[in-house]
Amino acid sequence: MINIIWFLILLIGIVVGIVTGKGEIVSKAVVSSTTGSVELIIGLLGMMCLWCGIMKIAEKSGLTDKLANLLRPFLKIVFKEAADSPKAMSSITMNITANMVGLSNAATPFGIKAMEEMHKISKNKDTASNDMALFLVLNAACIQFLPTTVISIRAAYNSQNPAIIILPAIIATGTAAVLGVFYCKILQRFF
């Protein structure tokens, strides 16, 4: 449905531009926006490669394992069913760790693996377990200590201080994560 809406918006804009005699402006806008998009993507790609490389180094050096060990006791309290599965807890921990340092792309394989492992231990295979729902919420609202993607976008657009958003990001994502876990735990009692 959203594709149809976007298509109609673009089609109406182009038709109105041509009918009003501003077709040249429309074509220039299309060319300049596509050029800007490609430049932004190339800049983000470079930054993502850098941060994924740093995450790989952190993983190989054992830094992510140390962070995961710090998180594991808390996560065993939060995830009741998955706490008994070392494979599920390992994937959950690595996913959350990668998200905390702002590497959502690197976190995705761990998230998929965590869901697969939680599905294996789930009693009802047709619906998501409470732990799966909680993991999805925590994955979407994970605390980010280093929002690398947003910093990269700000740097690509020549922000004078791209990292100024770190403290507000920690506060916003921390609040979202705590409230997400809180509301999931409340709703688990009723559903």
N, C-alpha and C. Protein backbone atom coordinates (compact mmCIF):
# COMPACT_ATOMS: atom_id res chain seq x y z
N MET A 1 0.82 -1.19 0.00
CA MET A 1 0.00 0.00 0.00
C MET A 1 0.87 1.27 0.00
N ILE A 2 1.93 1.24 0.79
CA ILE A 2 2.79 2.41 0.87
C ILE A 2 3.46 2.69 -0.48
N ASN A 3 3.77 1.62 -1.23
CA ASN A 3 4.37 1.81 -2.55
C ASN A 3 3.41 2.54 -3.49
N ILE A 4 2.14 2.21 -3.39
CA ILE A 4 1.14 2.89 -4.22
C ILE A 4 1.06 4.36 -3.86
N ILE A 5 1.06 4.65 -2.56
CA ILE A 5 0.99 6.04 -2.10
C ILE A 5 2.19 6.84 -2.61
N TRP A 6 3.41 6.28 -2.46
CA TRP A 6 4.61 6.98 -2.93
C TRP A 6 4.57 7.17 -4.44
N PHE A 7 4.13 6.14 -5.15
CA PHE A 7 4.04 6.25 -6.61
C PHE A 7 3.08 7.38 -7.00
N LEU A 8 1.92 7.44 -6.33
CA LEU A 8 0.94 8.50 -6.65
C LEU A 8 1.49 9.88 -6.33
N ILE A 9 2.20 10.02 -5.22
CA ILE A 9 2.79 11.32 -4.87
C ILE A 9 3.78 11.75 -5.94
N LEU A 10 4.65 10.84 -6.35
CA LEU A 10 5.63 11.17 -7.38
C LEU A 10 4.96 11.47 -8.72
N LEU A 11 4.00 10.65 -9.10
CA LEU A 11 3.31 10.84 -10.38
C LEU A 11 2.58 12.18 -10.41
N ILE A 12 1.86 12.50 -9.36
CA ILE A 12 1.13 13.77 -9.30
C ILE A 12 2.10 14.94 -9.36
N GLY A 13 3.21 14.86 -8.64
CA GLY A 13 4.21 15.92 -8.66
C GLY A 13 4.80 16.14 -10.04
N ILE A 14 5.13 15.04 -10.72
CA ILE A 14 5.69 15.15 -12.08
C ILE A 14 4.67 15.72 -13.04
N VAL A 15 3.44 15.22 -12.98
CA VAL A 15 2.40 15.70 -13.89
C VAL A 15 2.11 17.18 -13.66
N VAL A 16 2.00 17.59 -12.39
CA VAL A 16 1.76 19.01 -12.09
C VAL A 16 2.94 19.86 -12.58
N GLY A 17 4.15 19.37 -12.42
CA GLY A 17 5.32 20.10 -12.90
C GLY A 17 5.31 20.28 -14.40
N ILE A 18 4.95 19.25 -15.12
CA ILE A 18 4.90 19.32 -16.59
C ILE A 18 3.75 20.22 -17.05
N VAL A 19 2.57 20.05 -16.43
CA VAL A 19 1.39 20.83 -16.83
C VAL A 19 1.60 22.32 -16.58
N THR A 20 2.27 22.66 -15.50
CA THR A 20 2.49 24.08 -15.18
C THR A 20 3.70 24.65 -15.90
N GLY A 21 4.33 23.86 -16.75
CA GLY A 21 5.45 24.36 -17.52
C GLY A 21 6.77 24.38 -16.77
N LYS A 22 6.86 23.59 -15.70
CA LYS A 22 8.08 23.56 -14.90
C LYS A 22 8.75 22.19 -14.97
N GLY A 23 8.63 21.56 -16.12
CA GLY A 23 9.23 20.24 -16.32
C GLY A 23 10.74 20.26 -16.18
N GLU A 24 11.35 21.37 -16.61
CA GLU A 24 12.81 21.48 -16.49
C GLU A 24 13.24 21.50 -15.02
N ILE A 25 12.47 22.19 -14.18
CA ILE A 25 12.78 22.23 -12.75
C ILE A 25 12.63 20.85 -12.13
N VAL A 26 11.58 20.13 -12.54
CA VAL A 26 11.36 18.78 -12.03
C VAL A 26 12.53 17.87 -12.42
N SER A 27 12.95 17.93 -13.68
CA SER A 27 14.06 17.07 -14.11
C SER A 27 15.36 17.42 -13.41
N LYS A 28 15.62 18.73 -13.18
CA LYS A 28 16.83 19.12 -12.44
C LYS A 28 16.77 18.62 -11.00
N ALA A 29 15.58 18.69 -10.40
CA ALA A 29 15.42 18.22 -9.01
C ALA A 29 15.67 16.72 -8.92
N VAL A 30 15.18 15.98 -9.91
CA VAL A 30 15.39 14.52 -9.93
C VAL A 30 16.89 14.21 -10.03
N VAL A 31 17.58 14.87 -10.94
CA VAL A 31 19.00 14.61 -11.13
C VAL A 31 19.80 15.00 -9.90
N SER A 32 19.52 16.16 -9.33
CA SER A 32 20.31 16.60 -8.16
C SER A 32 20.02 15.73 -6.94
N SER A 33 18.77 15.28 -6.77
CA SER A 33 18.47 14.44 -5.60
C SER A 33 19.09 13.06 -5.75
N THR A 34 19.13 12.53 -6.96
CA THR A 34 19.76 11.22 -7.13
C THR A 34 21.27 11.30 -6.93
N THR A 35 21.86 12.39 -7.39
CA THR A 35 23.30 12.58 -7.18
C THR A 35 23.61 12.69 -5.69
N GLY A 36 22.80 13.47 -4.98
CA GLY A 36 23.00 13.61 -3.54
C GLY A 36 22.81 12.30 -2.80
N SER A 37 21.85 11.51 -3.25
CA SER A 37 21.60 10.21 -2.62
C SER A 37 22.79 9.28 -2.79
N VAL A 38 23.34 9.24 -3.98
CA VAL A 38 24.49 8.37 -4.24
C VAL A 38 25.69 8.81 -3.40
N GLU A 39 25.93 10.11 -3.33
CA GLU A 39 27.04 10.62 -2.52
C GLU A 39 26.86 10.26 -1.05
N LEU A 40 25.63 10.40 -0.54
CA LEU A 40 25.37 10.07 0.86
C LEU A 40 25.59 8.59 1.11
N ILE A 41 25.11 7.75 0.21
CA ILE A 41 25.26 6.30 0.38
C ILE A 41 26.73 5.90 0.36
N ILE A 42 27.51 6.48 -0.54
CA ILE A 42 28.94 6.16 -0.59
C ILE A 42 29.63 6.59 0.70
N GLY A 43 29.27 7.78 1.19
CA GLY A 43 29.84 8.24 2.46
C GLY A 43 29.45 7.33 3.62
N LEU A 44 28.19 6.91 3.66
CA LEU A 44 27.74 6.02 4.72
C LEU A 44 28.38 4.64 4.60
N LEU A 45 28.56 4.19 3.39
CA LEU A 45 29.18 2.89 3.18
C LEU A 45 30.60 2.87 3.75
N GLY A 46 31.34 3.94 3.51
CA GLY A 46 32.68 4.03 4.06
C GLY A 46 32.68 4.02 5.58
N MET A 47 31.76 4.79 6.17
CA MET A 47 31.67 4.84 7.63
C MET A 47 31.23 3.49 8.20
N MET A 48 30.28 2.84 7.53
CA MET A 48 29.82 1.53 8.01
C MET A 48 30.95 0.51 7.93
N CYS A 49 31.74 0.56 6.86
CA CYS A 49 32.90 -0.35 6.75
C CYS A 49 33.87 -0.10 7.90
N LEU A 50 34.13 1.16 8.20
CA LEU A 50 35.02 1.50 9.31
C LEU A 50 34.50 0.93 10.62
N TRP A 51 33.22 1.22 10.93
CA TRP A 51 32.68 0.78 12.22
C TRP A 51 32.51 -0.73 12.29
N CYS A 52 32.15 -1.37 11.19
CA CYS A 52 32.06 -2.84 11.18
C CYS A 52 33.44 -3.45 11.40
N GLY A 53 34.46 -2.83 10.82
CA GLY A 53 35.83 -3.29 11.06
C GLY A 53 36.24 -3.13 12.52
N ILE A 54 35.88 -2.00 13.10
CA ILE A 54 36.17 -1.78 14.53
C ILE A 54 35.44 -2.82 15.38
N MET A 55 34.18 -3.10 15.03
CA MET A 55 33.41 -4.10 15.77
C MET A 55 34.04 -5.48 15.62
N LYS A 56 34.54 -5.80 14.44
CA LYS A 56 35.20 -7.09 14.22
C LYS A 56 36.46 -7.18 15.08
N ILE A 57 37.21 -6.08 15.15
CA ILE A 57 38.41 -6.06 16.00
C ILE A 57 38.02 -6.24 17.46
N ALA A 58 36.95 -5.54 17.88
CA ALA A 58 36.47 -5.67 19.26
C ALA A 58 36.03 -7.10 19.54
N GLU A 59 35.40 -7.72 18.55
CA GLU A 59 34.95 -9.11 18.70
C GLU A 59 36.14 -10.05 18.81
N LYS A 60 37.13 -9.89 17.92
CA LYS A 60 38.31 -10.76 17.92
C LYS A 60 39.17 -10.56 19.17
N SER A 61 39.21 -9.32 19.68
CA SER A 61 40.03 -9.04 20.85
C SER A 61 39.37 -9.49 22.15
N GLY A 62 38.09 -9.83 22.09
CA GLY A 62 37.38 -10.27 23.28
C GLY A 62 36.64 -9.17 24.00
N LEU A 63 36.69 -7.95 23.46
CA LEU A 63 36.00 -6.83 24.11
C LEU A 63 34.49 -7.04 24.13
N THR A 64 33.92 -7.52 23.02
CA THR A 64 32.48 -7.75 23.00
C THR A 64 32.09 -8.90 23.94
N ASP A 65 32.98 -9.88 24.08
CA ASP A 65 32.70 -10.96 25.03
C ASP A 65 32.68 -10.44 26.46
N LYS A 66 33.57 -9.51 26.77
CA LYS A 66 33.59 -8.93 28.11
C LYS A 66 32.31 -8.12 28.37
N LEU A 67 31.90 -7.36 27.37
CA LEU A 67 30.65 -6.61 27.50
C LEU A 67 29.47 -7.57 27.61
N ALA A 68 29.53 -8.64 26.84
CA ALA A 68 28.46 -9.65 26.89
C ALA A 68 28.41 -10.30 28.27
N ASN A 69 29.58 -10.57 28.87
CA ASN A 69 29.61 -11.15 30.22
C ASN A 69 29.03 -10.21 31.26
N LEU A 70 29.22 -8.91 31.06
CA LEU A 70 28.61 -7.94 31.97
C LEU A 70 27.09 -7.91 31.82
N LEU A 71 26.61 -8.09 30.61
CA LEU A 71 25.17 -8.06 30.35
C LEU A 71 24.46 -9.36 30.70
N ARG A 72 25.16 -10.46 30.63
CA ARG A 72 24.54 -11.78 30.77
C ARG A 72 23.72 -11.94 32.06
N PRO A 73 24.20 -11.54 33.24
CA PRO A 73 23.37 -11.70 34.45
C PRO A 73 22.05 -10.93 34.37
N PHE A 74 22.10 -9.73 33.83
CA PHE A 74 20.88 -8.94 33.67
C PHE A 74 19.93 -9.60 32.67
N LEU A 75 20.48 -10.07 31.57
CA LEU A 75 19.65 -10.68 30.53
C LEU A 75 19.03 -11.99 30.98
N LYS A 76 19.72 -12.72 31.86
CA LYS A 76 19.13 -13.96 32.39
C LYS A 76 17.92 -13.67 33.27
N ILE A 77 17.90 -12.52 33.90
CA ILE A 77 16.74 -12.12 34.70
C ILE A 77 15.60 -11.70 33.78
N VAL A 78 15.92 -10.99 32.74
CA VAL A 78 14.90 -10.45 31.83
C VAL A 78 14.30 -11.54 30.95
N PHE A 79 15.14 -12.41 30.38
CA PHE A 79 14.68 -13.47 29.49
C PHE A 79 14.55 -14.77 30.28
N LYS A 80 13.36 -15.07 30.73
CA LYS A 80 13.14 -16.24 31.60
C LYS A 80 13.33 -17.57 30.86
N GLU A 81 12.68 -17.73 29.70
CA GLU A 81 12.75 -19.00 28.97
C GLU A 81 14.11 -19.21 28.32
N ALA A 82 14.65 -18.17 27.73
CA ALA A 82 15.92 -18.28 26.99
C ALA A 82 17.12 -18.39 27.92
N ALA A 83 16.94 -18.10 29.20
CA ALA A 83 18.06 -18.15 30.15
C ALA A 83 18.66 -19.54 30.24
N ASP A 84 17.87 -20.56 29.94
CA ASP A 84 18.37 -21.94 30.03
C ASP A 84 19.06 -22.41 28.76
N SER A 85 19.04 -21.60 27.71
CA SER A 85 19.67 -21.97 26.44
C SER A 85 20.92 -21.13 26.21
N PRO A 86 22.10 -21.74 26.36
CA PRO A 86 23.33 -20.97 26.15
C PRO A 86 23.44 -20.38 24.74
N LYS A 87 22.96 -21.11 23.73
CA LYS A 87 23.02 -20.61 22.35
C LYS A 87 22.14 -19.38 22.19
N ALA A 88 20.94 -19.44 22.73
CA ALA A 88 20.02 -18.30 22.62
C ALA A 88 20.58 -17.09 23.38
N MET A 89 21.08 -17.33 24.58
CA MET A 89 21.61 -16.22 25.39
C MET A 89 22.84 -15.60 24.73
N SER A 90 23.67 -16.43 24.12
CA SER A 90 24.85 -15.92 23.44
C SER A 90 24.45 -15.02 22.27
N SER A 91 23.49 -15.46 21.47
CA SER A 91 23.04 -14.66 20.32
C SER A 91 22.34 -13.39 20.77
N ILE A 92 21.52 -13.49 21.81
CA ILE A 92 20.84 -12.30 22.35
C ILE A 92 21.87 -11.30 22.82
N THR A 93 22.84 -11.77 23.57
CA THR A 93 23.87 -10.89 24.14
C THR A 93 24.69 -10.22 23.05
N MET A 94 25.08 -10.99 22.04
CA MET A 94 25.88 -10.41 20.95
C MET A 94 25.07 -9.40 20.15
N ASN A 95 23.78 -9.68 19.94
CA ASN A 95 22.93 -8.74 19.22
C ASN A 95 22.81 -7.43 19.99
N ILE A 96 22.53 -7.52 21.26
CA ILE A 96 22.35 -6.31 22.07
C ILE A 96 23.67 -5.55 22.18
N THR A 97 24.78 -6.28 22.31
CA THR A 97 26.09 -5.64 22.38
C THR A 97 26.38 -4.86 21.10
N ALA A 98 26.13 -5.49 19.95
CA ALA A 98 26.37 -4.80 18.67
C ALA A 98 25.46 -3.59 18.53
N ASN A 99 24.21 -3.71 18.96
CA ASN A 99 23.30 -2.56 18.90
C ASN A 99 23.76 -1.43 19.83
N MET A 100 24.31 -1.79 20.97
CA MET A 100 24.74 -0.77 21.94
C MET A 100 25.86 0.10 21.39
N VAL A 101 26.69 -0.48 20.54
CA VAL A 101 27.78 0.31 19.96
C VAL A 101 27.39 0.85 18.59
N GLY A 102 26.11 0.75 18.26
CA GLY A 102 25.59 1.41 17.06
C GLY A 102 25.79 0.65 15.77
N LEU A 103 26.02 -0.64 15.84
CA LEU A 103 26.26 -1.42 14.63
C LEU A 103 25.08 -2.34 14.34
N SER A 104 23.97 -1.74 13.98
CA SER A 104 22.76 -2.53 13.75
C SER A 104 22.95 -3.52 12.61
N ASN A 105 23.75 -3.19 11.60
CA ASN A 105 23.99 -4.13 10.51
C ASN A 105 24.74 -5.37 11.00
N ALA A 106 25.68 -5.17 11.89
CA ALA A 106 26.43 -6.30 12.44
C ALA A 106 25.56 -7.08 13.43
N ALA A 107 24.55 -6.43 14.01
CA ALA A 107 23.69 -7.08 14.99
C ALA A 107 22.64 -7.98 14.35
N THR A 108 22.31 -7.73 13.10
CA THR A 108 21.21 -8.46 12.45
C THR A 108 21.42 -9.97 12.42
N PRO A 109 22.59 -10.49 12.01
CA PRO A 109 22.75 -11.96 12.03
C PRO A 109 22.57 -12.56 13.42
N PHE A 110 23.05 -11.86 14.44
CA PHE A 110 22.88 -12.35 15.81
C PHE A 110 21.40 -12.33 16.21
N GLY A 111 20.68 -11.31 15.76
CA GLY A 111 19.25 -11.22 16.07
C GLY A 111 18.47 -12.35 15.42
N ILE A 112 18.79 -12.66 14.18
CA ILE A 112 18.11 -13.75 13.48
C ILE A 112 18.42 -15.08 14.18
N LYS A 113 19.68 -15.26 14.55
CA LYS A 113 20.08 -16.50 15.24
C LYS A 113 19.39 -16.60 16.60
N ALA A 114 19.28 -15.48 17.31
CA ALA A 114 18.61 -15.49 18.62
C ALA A 114 17.14 -15.89 18.47
N MET A 115 16.47 -15.35 17.47
CA MET A 115 15.07 -15.71 17.24
C MET A 115 14.93 -17.19 16.88
N GLU A 116 15.84 -17.70 16.07
CA GLU A 116 15.81 -19.13 15.72
C GLU A 116 15.99 -20.00 16.97
N GLU A 117 16.94 -19.63 17.81
CA GLU A 117 17.20 -20.41 19.02
C GLU A 117 16.02 -20.33 20.00
N MET A 118 15.41 -19.15 20.12
CA MET A 118 14.25 -19.03 21.01
C MET A 118 13.05 -19.78 20.44
N HIS A 119 12.95 -19.85 19.12
CA HIS A 119 11.87 -20.62 18.51
C HIS A 119 12.03 -22.11 18.80
N LYS A 120 13.28 -22.58 18.82
CA LYS A 120 13.54 -23.99 19.11
C LYS A 120 13.08 -24.38 20.51
N ILE A 121 13.27 -23.47 21.48
CA ILE A 121 12.91 -23.80 22.86
C ILE A 121 11.48 -23.38 23.22
N SER A 122 10.81 -22.74 22.29
CA SER A 122 9.43 -22.29 22.53
C SER A 122 8.49 -23.48 22.63
N LYS A 123 7.53 -23.37 23.55
CA LYS A 123 6.54 -24.44 23.73
C LYS A 123 5.50 -24.40 22.62
N ASN A 124 5.09 -23.23 22.22
CA ASN A 124 4.09 -23.07 21.17
C ASN A 124 4.79 -22.57 19.91
N LYS A 125 4.93 -23.43 18.93
CA LYS A 125 5.69 -23.10 17.71
C LYS A 125 4.93 -22.17 16.76
N ASP A 126 3.62 -21.98 16.99
CA ASP A 126 2.82 -21.16 16.09
C ASP A 126 2.82 -19.67 16.43
N THR A 127 3.17 -19.34 17.66
CA THR A 127 3.16 -17.92 18.07
C THR A 127 4.50 -17.56 18.71
N ALA A 128 4.76 -16.29 18.72
CA ALA A 128 6.00 -15.81 19.36
C ALA A 128 5.88 -15.95 20.87
N SER A 129 6.95 -16.40 21.50
CA SER A 129 6.97 -16.51 22.95
C SER A 129 7.14 -15.13 23.57
N ASN A 130 6.95 -15.07 24.88
CA ASN A 130 7.15 -13.80 25.59
C ASN A 130 8.58 -13.30 25.41
N ASP A 131 9.53 -14.22 25.47
CA ASP A 131 10.93 -13.83 25.29
C ASP A 131 11.20 -13.30 23.88
N MET A 132 10.55 -13.90 22.89
CA MET A 132 10.73 -13.43 21.51
C MET A 132 10.16 -12.02 21.35
N ALA A 133 8.99 -11.78 21.93
CA ALA A 133 8.39 -10.44 21.84
C ALA A 133 9.25 -9.42 22.59
N LEU A 134 9.73 -9.81 23.76
CA LEU A 134 10.59 -8.92 24.54
C LEU A 134 11.89 -8.62 23.80
N PHE A 135 12.47 -9.64 23.18
CA PHE A 135 13.71 -9.45 22.42
C PHE A 135 13.48 -8.50 21.25
N LEU A 136 12.35 -8.64 20.58
CA LEU A 136 12.04 -7.75 19.46
C LEU A 136 11.94 -6.30 19.94
N VAL A 137 11.28 -6.08 21.06
CA VAL A 137 11.15 -4.73 21.62
C VAL A 137 12.52 -4.20 22.03
N LEU A 138 13.28 -5.02 22.73
CA LEU A 138 14.60 -4.58 23.19
C LEU A 138 15.55 -4.36 22.03
N ASN A 139 15.41 -5.14 20.98
CA ASN A 139 16.23 -4.96 19.79
C ASN A 139 15.89 -3.65 19.09
N ALA A 140 14.61 -3.31 19.04
CA ALA A 140 14.18 -2.07 18.39
C ALA A 140 14.49 -0.84 19.22
N ALA A 141 14.49 -1.00 20.53
CA ALA A 141 14.69 0.15 21.42
C ALA A 141 15.94 -0.03 22.27
N CYS A 142 16.99 -0.56 21.68
CA CYS A 142 18.21 -0.86 22.42
C CYS A 142 18.97 0.41 22.78
N ILE A 143 19.56 0.40 23.95
CA ILE A 143 20.41 1.52 24.38
C ILE A 143 21.58 1.61 23.41
N GLN A 144 21.85 2.81 22.91
CA GLN A 144 22.98 3.01 22.01
C GLN A 144 23.96 3.98 22.66
N PHE A 145 25.12 3.45 23.00
CA PHE A 145 26.16 4.30 23.57
C PHE A 145 26.90 5.07 22.48
N LEU A 146 26.90 4.51 21.28
CA LEU A 146 27.60 5.16 20.17
C LEU A 146 26.74 5.02 18.91
N PRO A 147 25.88 6.00 18.63
CA PRO A 147 25.00 5.92 17.45
C PRO A 147 25.78 6.22 16.16
N THR A 148 26.52 5.23 15.71
CA THR A 148 27.45 5.44 14.60
C THR A 148 26.77 5.85 13.30
N THR A 149 25.60 5.30 13.01
CA THR A 149 24.93 5.64 11.75
C THR A 149 24.53 7.10 11.73
N VAL A 150 23.95 7.59 12.81
CA VAL A 150 23.53 8.99 12.87
C VAL A 150 24.75 9.91 12.84
N ILE A 151 25.79 9.53 13.54
CA ILE A 151 27.02 10.32 13.52
C ILE A 151 27.58 10.36 12.10
N SER A 152 27.53 9.21 11.40
CA SER A 152 28.01 9.16 10.02
C SER A 152 27.20 10.06 9.10
N ILE A 153 25.89 10.06 9.26
CA ILE A 153 25.04 10.92 8.43
C ILE A 153 25.35 12.39 8.72
N ARG A 154 25.48 12.72 9.99
CA ARG A 154 25.81 14.11 10.34
C ARG A 154 27.17 14.51 9.78
N ALA A 155 28.14 13.61 9.83
CA ALA A 155 29.47 13.90 9.28
C ALA A 155 29.40 14.05 7.77
N ALA A 156 28.59 13.21 7.10
CA ALA A 156 28.46 13.28 5.65
C ALA A 156 27.86 14.61 5.21
N TYR A 157 27.03 15.20 6.05
CA TYR A 157 26.43 16.49 5.73
C TYR A 157 27.20 17.65 6.36
N ASN A 158 28.47 17.41 6.70
CA ASN A 158 29.41 18.44 7.17
C ASN A 158 28.97 19.13 8.45
N SER A 159 28.43 18.36 9.38
CA SER A 159 28.09 18.92 10.69
C SER A 159 29.38 19.33 11.39
N GLN A 160 29.33 20.46 12.10
CA GLN A 160 30.53 20.91 12.80
C GLN A 160 30.88 20.01 13.98
N ASN A 161 29.87 19.40 14.59
CA ASN A 161 30.12 18.49 15.69
C ASN A 161 29.16 17.30 15.57
N PRO A 162 29.49 16.32 14.73
CA PRO A 162 28.56 15.22 14.49
C PRO A 162 28.29 14.35 15.72
N ALA A 163 29.21 14.31 16.66
CA ALA A 163 29.06 13.43 17.82
C ALA A 163 28.34 14.10 18.99
N ILE A 164 27.85 15.31 18.80
CA ILE A 164 27.17 16.01 19.88
C ILE A 164 25.89 15.30 20.31
N ILE A 165 25.39 14.41 19.49
CA ILE A 165 24.14 13.71 19.79
C ILE A 165 24.33 12.49 20.69
N ILE A 166 25.53 12.19 21.11
CA ILE A 166 25.77 10.97 21.89
C ILE A 166 24.99 10.97 23.19
N LEU A 167 25.09 12.02 24.00
CA LEU A 167 24.38 12.05 25.29
C LEU A 167 22.86 12.03 25.10
N PRO A 168 22.28 12.86 24.21
CA PRO A 168 20.84 12.75 23.99
C PRO A 168 20.42 11.37 23.48
N ALA A 169 21.27 10.73 22.66
CA ALA A 169 20.94 9.39 22.16
C ALA A 169 20.94 8.37 23.29
N ILE A 170 21.91 8.48 24.19
CA ILE A 170 21.96 7.56 25.33
C ILE A 170 20.71 7.73 26.19
N ILE A 171 20.33 8.97 26.45
CA ILE A 171 19.15 9.23 27.28
C ILE A 171 17.87 8.72 26.59
N ALA A 172 17.72 9.04 25.31
CA ALA A 172 16.50 8.64 24.59
C ALA A 172 16.42 7.11 24.44
N THR A 173 17.51 6.49 24.02
CA THR A 173 17.46 5.04 23.82
C THR A 173 17.40 4.29 25.15
N GLY A 174 18.06 4.83 26.17
CA GLY A 174 17.98 4.21 27.50
C GLY A 174 16.56 4.24 28.04
N THR A 175 15.91 5.38 27.90
CA THR A 175 14.51 5.50 28.33
C THR A 175 13.62 4.55 27.55
N ALA A 176 13.81 4.49 26.24
CA ALA A 176 13.00 3.60 25.40
C ALA A 176 13.21 2.14 25.79
N ALA A 177 14.45 1.75 26.04
CA ALA A 177 14.74 0.36 26.39
C ALA A 177 14.13 -0.01 27.75
N VAL A 178 14.30 0.83 28.73
CA VAL A 178 13.76 0.55 30.06
C VAL A 178 12.23 0.47 30.01
N LEU A 179 11.61 1.44 29.36
CA LEU A 179 10.15 1.43 29.26
C LEU A 179 9.65 0.25 28.42
N GLY A 180 10.39 -0.10 27.37
CA GLY A 180 10.01 -1.24 26.55
C GLY A 180 9.99 -2.53 27.36
N VAL A 181 11.04 -2.78 28.15
CA VAL A 181 11.11 -3.97 28.99
C VAL A 181 9.99 -3.93 30.04
N PHE A 182 9.79 -2.78 30.65
CA PHE A 182 8.76 -2.60 31.68
C PHE A 182 7.38 -2.94 31.13
N TYR A 183 7.03 -2.36 29.99
CA TYR A 183 5.70 -2.60 29.41
C TYR A 183 5.55 -4.04 28.92
N CYS A 184 6.61 -4.63 28.38
CA CYS A 184 6.54 -6.04 27.97
C CYS A 184 6.26 -6.94 29.17
N LYS A 185 6.95 -6.69 30.27
CA LYS A 185 6.75 -7.51 31.47
C LYS A 185 5.33 -7.36 32.00
N ILE A 186 4.77 -6.16 31.93
CA ILE A 186 3.38 -5.96 32.36
C ILE A 186 2.42 -6.69 31.43
N LEU A 187 2.62 -6.54 30.12
CA LEU A 187 1.71 -7.15 29.15
C LEU A 187 1.82 -8.67 29.13
N GLN A 188 2.98 -9.21 29.53
CA GLN A 188 3.13 -10.67 29.58
C GLN A 188 2.17 -11.31 30.56
N ARG A 189 1.77 -10.58 31.55
CA ARG A 189 0.85 -11.11 32.55
C ARG A 189 -0.56 -11.26 32.00
N PHE A 190 -0.89 -10.48 30.99
CA PHE A 190 -2.25 -10.50 30.46
C PHE A 190 -2.40 -11.28 29.16
N PHE A 191 -1.30 -11.46 28.42
CA PHE A 191 -1.41 -12.13 27.10
C PHE A 191 -0.53 -13.36 27.04
